Amino acid sequence: MDKTELTLEVGQSDTLTATVVPENAEDKTVTFTSGNDKVATVTPKQGKVTAVAKGATEIEGVTANGIVVKLPVTVTEPAGG
C-alpha cells in the first residue's frame, strides 16, 4: 500500500493505493476490508477509507494470490470539536 499508517478525523476520507508486483502479474486485484466498520469503513475494490468514530482499527488488503497487507488506522475527533 502507498501508506504505512493512516490518521483521519471523524468524517474525513482517504484512498489507498496498492501496488501489485510483479508488474506483469496476471491478476492485480486487491480486496480491502476493515477490522472494525464502527471506526472506519473501506470500499472493497476502490480502497476509500472513511473515518466513522474515534478509535483504532486495521485496514487489510488481500491480493488475488493471497498476499495480505495490514494498515493501522487511527480516527480522532475533529479539531476544535
Protein backbone atom coordinates (compact mmCIF):
# COMPACT_ATOMS: atom_id res chain seq x y z
CA MET A 1 0.00 0.00 0.00
CA ASP A 2 1.07 3.56 -0.51
CA LYS A 3 0.89 4.28 3.24
CA THR A 4 2.29 2.57 6.35
CA GLU A 5 -0.31 4.11 8.68
CA LEU A 6 -3.28 6.44 8.40
CA THR A 7 -4.74 9.02 10.78
CA LEU A 8 -8.05 10.67 9.96
CA GLU A 9 -10.56 12.86 11.77
CA VAL A 10 -14.17 11.66 12.05
CA GLY A 11 -15.85 12.36 8.70
CA GLN A 12 -12.62 12.52 6.68
CA SER A 13 -11.66 10.02 3.99
CA ASP A 14 -8.58 8.97 2.05
CA THR A 15 -8.00 6.48 -0.74
CA LEU A 16 -5.39 3.74 -0.52
CA THR A 17 -3.33 2.63 -3.49
CA ALA A 18 -1.97 -0.89 -3.61
CA THR A 19 0.85 -1.83 -5.96
CA VAL A 20 0.92 -5.48 -7.00
CA VAL A 21 4.24 -6.93 -8.08
CA PRO A 22 5.49 -8.26 -10.35
CA GLU A 23 4.27 -5.64 -12.78
CA ASN A 24 3.18 -8.38 -15.23
CA ALA A 25 1.10 -10.26 -12.62
CA GLU A 26 -1.89 -11.93 -14.24
CA ASP A 27 -4.43 -10.74 -11.63
CA LYS A 28 -3.73 -7.46 -9.85
CA THR A 29 -6.99 -7.49 -7.87
CA VAL A 30 -6.76 -6.26 -4.28
CA THR A 31 -9.72 -6.52 -1.90
CA PHE A 32 -9.84 -4.21 1.12
CA THR A 33 -11.66 -4.87 4.42
CA SER A 34 -11.89 -3.02 7.72
CA GLY A 35 -11.22 -4.69 11.04
CA ASN A 36 -13.90 -2.50 12.64
CA ASP A 37 -16.55 -0.78 10.49
CA LYS A 38 -17.68 1.23 13.53
CA VAL A 39 -14.33 3.08 13.49
CA ALA A 40 -13.52 3.21 9.74
CA THR A 41 -15.12 1.79 6.63
CA VAL A 42 -13.37 0.95 3.37
CA THR A 43 -14.69 0.27 -0.12
CA PRO A 44 -13.65 -3.28 -1.08
CA LYS A 45 -12.26 -2.50 -4.54
CA GLN A 46 -11.51 1.24 -4.56
CA GLY A 47 -9.80 1.36 -1.14
CA LYS A 48 -11.58 4.53 0.01
CA VAL A 49 -11.28 4.72 3.80
CA THR A 50 -13.85 6.81 5.68
CA ALA A 51 -13.46 7.68 9.37
CA VAL A 52 -16.68 6.93 11.28
CA ALA A 53 -15.87 7.23 15.00
CA LYS A 54 -12.91 7.83 17.30
CA GLY A 55 -10.78 4.74 17.78
CA ALA A 56 -8.28 2.46 16.07
CA THR A 57 -8.59 -0.39 13.58
CA GLU A 58 -6.73 -2.03 10.71
CA ILE A 59 -7.48 -2.00 7.02
CA GLU A 60 -6.47 -5.23 5.34
CA GLY A 61 -5.60 -5.55 1.67
CA VAL A 62 -5.58 -9.05 0.17
CA THR A 63 -4.27 -9.76 -3.33
CA ALA A 64 -5.74 -12.36 -5.67
CA ASN A 65 -2.89 -14.74 -4.81
CA GLY A 66 -3.40 -14.38 -1.04
CA ILE A 67 -0.76 -11.82 -0.02
CA VAL A 68 -2.06 -9.85 2.99
CA VAL A 69 -1.02 -6.32 3.97
CA LYS A 70 -2.39 -4.57 7.07
CA LEU A 71 -2.57 -0.82 7.61
CA PRO A 72 -3.14 0.64 11.09
CA VAL A 73 -5.81 3.36 11.08
CA THR A 74 -6.38 5.88 13.88
CA VAL A 75 -9.50 8.01 13.92
CA THR A 76 -9.56 11.16 16.04
CA GLU A 77 -12.24 13.69 16.93
CA PRO A 78 -12.39 16.69 14.58
CA ALA A 79 -10.06 19.52 15.59
CA GLY A 80 -11.90 22.03 17.75
CA GLY A 81 -14.81 19.65 18.14
